[in-house]
Amino acid sequence: MRLERLAYDKMKIFLTYDDLEERGISTDTTWTDVPVIDDMFQEMIAEASVELNFNADGPVVVEVFSIPAQGVVVIVTKTEEDYEDLEEPVLEWQLHSSPNEPLVFQFENIEHVIQMAKAVHRQHVYGGSLYAYDGSYYLHLEEEDITHLKKTTLVSIIKEFGHKSNKTIFSIKEYGKEVVGSNAIEKMYESFC
């Protein structure tokens, strides 16, 4: 989690998808578990009050933006509006992500990629592109690569061998080296399993 003060009454919080999962929040669904969200929000505000000297006493406006393949940005703005009618503040959170958001996973070494390919191939997933960049391997999957399998199921299987990357596929393509351009899972499975 990264905190940044934007103005005397405004701050920005950046959470990666791993930060959210550590806090028990799934990015594949809307944020409907209000107690979990409220606890996370209170934790963020407490950390911001120490780190940024941002005192959020009173009403605040919270805006949440999803950044595909990276995480979530939360903008918190103190407001002077009067909410005396309410006994408690009401928070309604929703996270919207692009339905065609690419999935990018990072693996420490090629052996983890091979083991992942073996496990995912059993689920009849064959697509994807594989890249090498900065000492790691990156698997890029599009929605059409996983049409018959639930995204959450696939992500769970892949995360046994690697983790979701906070790098965008654009930077990986720009600075990395393409290892397998298409049907990476199928080709890794055929070559090594």
Protein backbone atom coordinates (compact mmCIF):
# COMPACT_ATOMS: atom_id res chain seq x y z
CA MET A 1 0.00 0.00 0.00
CA ARG A 2 1.33 3.43 -0.99
CA LEU A 3 0.06 6.71 0.45
CA GLU A 4 0.39 10.15 -1.10
CA ARG A 5 -0.93 13.49 0.09
CA LEU A 6 -2.45 15.45 -2.79
CA ALA A 7 -3.68 18.54 -0.89
CA TYR A 8 -4.39 19.59 2.67
CA ASP A 9 -7.80 17.88 2.43
CA LYS A 10 -7.07 15.08 -0.06
CA MET A 11 -4.93 11.94 -0.20
CA LYS A 12 -4.38 9.04 -2.59
CA ILE A 13 -3.97 5.40 -1.57
CA PHE A 14 -2.65 2.85 -4.06
CA LEU A 15 -3.34 -0.82 -3.35
CA THR A 16 -2.01 -3.65 -5.50
CA TYR A 17 -4.19 -6.70 -6.07
CA ASP A 18 -1.95 -8.58 -3.62
CA ASP A 19 -2.63 -5.87 -0.99
CA LEU A 20 -6.37 -6.39 -1.50
CA GLU A 21 -6.15 -10.17 -1.30
CA GLU A 22 -4.11 -9.93 1.92
CA ARG A 23 -7.05 -7.97 3.33
CA GLY A 24 -9.56 -10.59 2.16
CA ILE A 25 -11.01 -8.62 -0.74
CA SER A 26 -11.58 -10.33 -4.07
CA THR A 27 -11.29 -8.19 -7.19
CA ASP A 28 -13.51 -10.50 -9.22
CA THR A 29 -16.67 -9.34 -7.45
CA THR A 30 -18.13 -6.05 -6.29
CA TRP A 31 -17.16 -4.92 -2.83
CA THR A 32 -20.24 -5.92 -0.90
CA ASP A 33 -18.72 -7.13 2.36
CA VAL A 34 -19.11 -3.82 4.20
CA PRO A 35 -17.42 -4.88 7.50
CA VAL A 36 -14.26 -6.02 5.66
CA ILE A 37 -14.20 -2.85 3.55
CA ASP A 38 -14.84 -0.67 6.58
CA ASP A 39 -12.00 -2.36 8.52
CA MET A 40 -9.65 -1.87 5.57
CA PHE A 41 -10.69 1.77 5.24
CA GLN A 42 -10.16 2.43 8.96
CA GLU A 43 -6.71 0.80 8.75
CA MET A 44 -5.76 2.97 5.75
CA ILE A 45 -6.95 6.14 7.49
CA ALA A 46 -5.02 5.26 10.66
CA GLU A 47 -1.83 4.67 8.65
CA ALA A 48 -2.35 7.90 6.70
CA SER A 49 -2.87 9.90 9.88
CA VAL A 50 0.57 8.76 11.10
CA GLU A 51 2.49 8.77 7.82
CA LEU A 52 0.95 11.84 6.13
CA ASN A 53 -0.45 13.75 9.12
CA PHE A 54 -3.87 13.43 7.45
CA ASN A 55 -6.60 13.81 10.04
CA ALA A 56 -9.84 12.42 8.60
CA ASP A 57 -12.15 13.35 11.44
CA GLY A 58 -15.57 14.19 10.10
CA PRO A 59 -17.16 13.32 6.77
CA VAL A 60 -15.04 12.19 3.83
CA VAL A 61 -15.74 11.40 0.18
CA VAL A 62 -14.16 8.18 -1.05
CA GLU A 63 -13.57 7.47 -4.76
CA VAL A 64 -12.28 4.08 -5.92
CA PHE A 65 -10.69 3.51 -9.33
CA SER A 66 -9.51 0.20 -10.77
CA ILE A 67 -6.30 0.25 -12.79
CA PRO A 68 -6.19 -2.90 -14.93
CA ALA A 69 -3.29 -5.28 -14.16
CA GLN A 70 -2.01 -2.98 -11.38
CA GLY A 71 -4.45 -2.41 -8.57
CA VAL A 72 -6.82 0.11 -7.10
CA VAL A 73 -6.50 3.82 -6.39
CA VAL A 74 -8.57 5.27 -3.55
CA ILE A 75 -8.95 9.05 -3.32
CA VAL A 76 -10.08 10.31 0.10
CA THR A 77 -11.26 13.92 0.37
CA LYS A 78 -12.33 15.64 3.58
CA THR A 79 -15.59 17.51 3.16
CA GLU A 80 -17.41 20.17 5.09
CA GLU A 81 -20.88 18.88 4.23
CA ASP A 82 -23.17 18.34 7.19
CA TYR A 83 -24.36 14.79 7.77
CA GLU A 84 -25.99 15.29 11.17
CA ASP A 85 -29.10 13.36 10.05
CA LEU A 86 -27.12 10.12 9.92
CA GLU A 87 -26.36 8.16 13.05
CA GLU A 88 -23.43 6.42 11.35
CA PRO A 89 -21.66 7.08 8.08
CA VAL A 90 -22.76 4.80 5.26
CA LEU A 91 -20.15 3.45 2.90
CA GLU A 92 -21.09 1.89 -0.40
CA TRP A 93 -18.13 0.50 -2.31
CA GLN A 94 -18.01 -0.99 -5.74
CA LEU A 95 -14.98 -1.93 -7.76
CA HIS A 96 -15.47 -2.07 -11.47
CA SER A 97 -12.88 -3.66 -13.68
CA SER A 98 -12.78 -3.97 -17.40
CA PRO A 99 -14.37 -7.23 -18.56
CA ASN A 100 -11.49 -7.72 -20.99
CA GLU A 101 -8.77 -6.90 -18.49
CA PRO A 102 -5.64 -8.92 -19.32
CA LEU A 103 -4.21 -11.22 -16.70
CA VAL A 104 -0.45 -11.01 -16.16
CA PHE A 105 1.31 -13.44 -13.82
CA GLN A 106 4.93 -13.40 -12.67
CA PHE A 107 7.03 -16.50 -12.02
CA GLU A 108 10.43 -16.68 -10.34
CA ASN A 109 11.89 -19.29 -12.69
CA ILE A 110 11.10 -21.47 -15.70
CA GLU A 111 10.42 -24.53 -13.50
CA HIS A 112 7.47 -22.72 -11.92
CA VAL A 113 6.18 -21.89 -15.41
CA ILE A 114 6.44 -25.56 -16.43
CA GLN A 115 4.61 -26.78 -13.32
CA MET A 116 1.91 -24.13 -13.85
CA ALA A 117 1.51 -25.19 -17.51
CA LYS A 118 1.07 -28.80 -16.41
CA ALA A 119 -1.64 -27.89 -13.87
CA VAL A 120 -3.49 -25.44 -16.14
CA HIS A 121 -3.32 -27.75 -19.17
CA ARG A 122 -5.35 -30.30 -17.16
CA GLN A 123 -8.10 -27.65 -17.03
CA HIS A 124 -8.07 -27.40 -20.84
CA VAL A 125 -6.49 -23.94 -20.91
CA TYR A 126 -3.91 -23.76 -23.69
CA GLY A 127 -3.40 -20.10 -24.69
CA GLY A 128 -1.34 -17.22 -23.43
CA SER A 129 1.98 -15.57 -24.22
CA LEU A 130 5.17 -16.02 -22.23
CA TYR A 131 7.82 -13.31 -21.74
CA ALA A 132 11.15 -13.03 -19.93
CA TYR A 133 11.84 -9.72 -18.25
CA ASP A 134 14.16 -8.56 -15.47
CA GLY A 135 15.00 -12.07 -14.24
CA SER A 136 11.41 -13.32 -14.11
CA TYR A 137 8.91 -14.93 -16.46
CA TYR A 138 5.51 -13.42 -17.24
CA LEU A 139 2.43 -15.19 -18.54
CA HIS A 140 -0.13 -12.99 -20.29
CA LEU A 141 -3.67 -14.34 -20.68
CA GLU A 142 -6.63 -12.70 -22.38
CA GLU A 143 -10.30 -13.37 -21.61
CA GLU A 144 -10.64 -15.54 -24.71
CA ASP A 145 -7.92 -17.84 -23.34
CA ILE A 146 -10.18 -18.83 -20.42
CA THR A 147 -13.74 -18.68 -21.72
CA HIS A 148 -14.79 -22.12 -20.44
CA LEU A 149 -13.22 -21.87 -16.97
CA LYS A 150 -14.09 -19.50 -14.14
CA LYS A 151 -11.49 -16.76 -13.91
CA THR A 152 -11.22 -17.17 -10.12
CA THR A 153 -10.51 -20.90 -10.53
CA LEU A 154 -7.77 -20.27 -13.07
CA VAL A 155 -6.20 -17.50 -11.00
CA SER A 156 -6.17 -19.78 -7.94
CA ILE A 157 -4.39 -22.54 -9.86
CA ILE A 158 -1.80 -20.20 -11.37
CA LYS A 159 -1.12 -18.51 -8.03
CA GLU A 160 0.12 -21.83 -6.64
CA PHE A 161 3.20 -21.31 -8.85
CA GLY A 162 3.46 -17.53 -9.25
CA HIS A 163 1.56 -14.35 -8.48
CA LYS A 164 -0.35 -11.60 -10.26
CA SER A 165 2.04 -9.02 -11.59
CA ASN A 166 1.72 -5.31 -10.99
CA LYS A 167 3.54 -4.66 -14.28
CA THR A 168 1.43 -3.92 -17.33
CA ILE A 169 1.63 -6.17 -20.36
CA PHE A 170 2.62 -3.09 -22.37
CA SER A 171 5.83 -2.54 -20.37
CA ILE A 172 6.63 -6.27 -20.45
CA LYS A 173 6.23 -6.36 -24.24
CA GLU A 174 8.25 -3.18 -24.62
CA TYR A 175 11.21 -4.11 -22.39
CA GLY A 176 11.02 -7.89 -22.10
CA LYS A 177 11.78 -10.73 -24.50
CA GLU A 178 9.04 -12.87 -26.01
CA VAL A 179 9.63 -16.55 -25.18
CA VAL A 180 6.41 -18.03 -26.61
CA GLY A 181 4.16 -15.73 -28.63
CA SER A 182 0.93 -17.72 -28.61
CA ASN A 183 -0.51 -20.87 -27.05
CA ALA A 184 2.23 -20.67 -24.45
CA ILE A 185 0.62 -23.13 -22.04
CA GLU A 186 0.13 -25.74 -24.76
CA LYS A 187 3.70 -25.33 -26.07
CA MET A 188 5.26 -25.44 -22.60
CA TYR A 189 3.25 -28.56 -21.80
CA GLU A 190 4.20 -30.30 -25.05
CA SER A 191 7.89 -29.39 -24.69
CA PHE A 192 8.47 -30.18 -21.01
CA CYS A 193 5.72 -32.41 -19.64
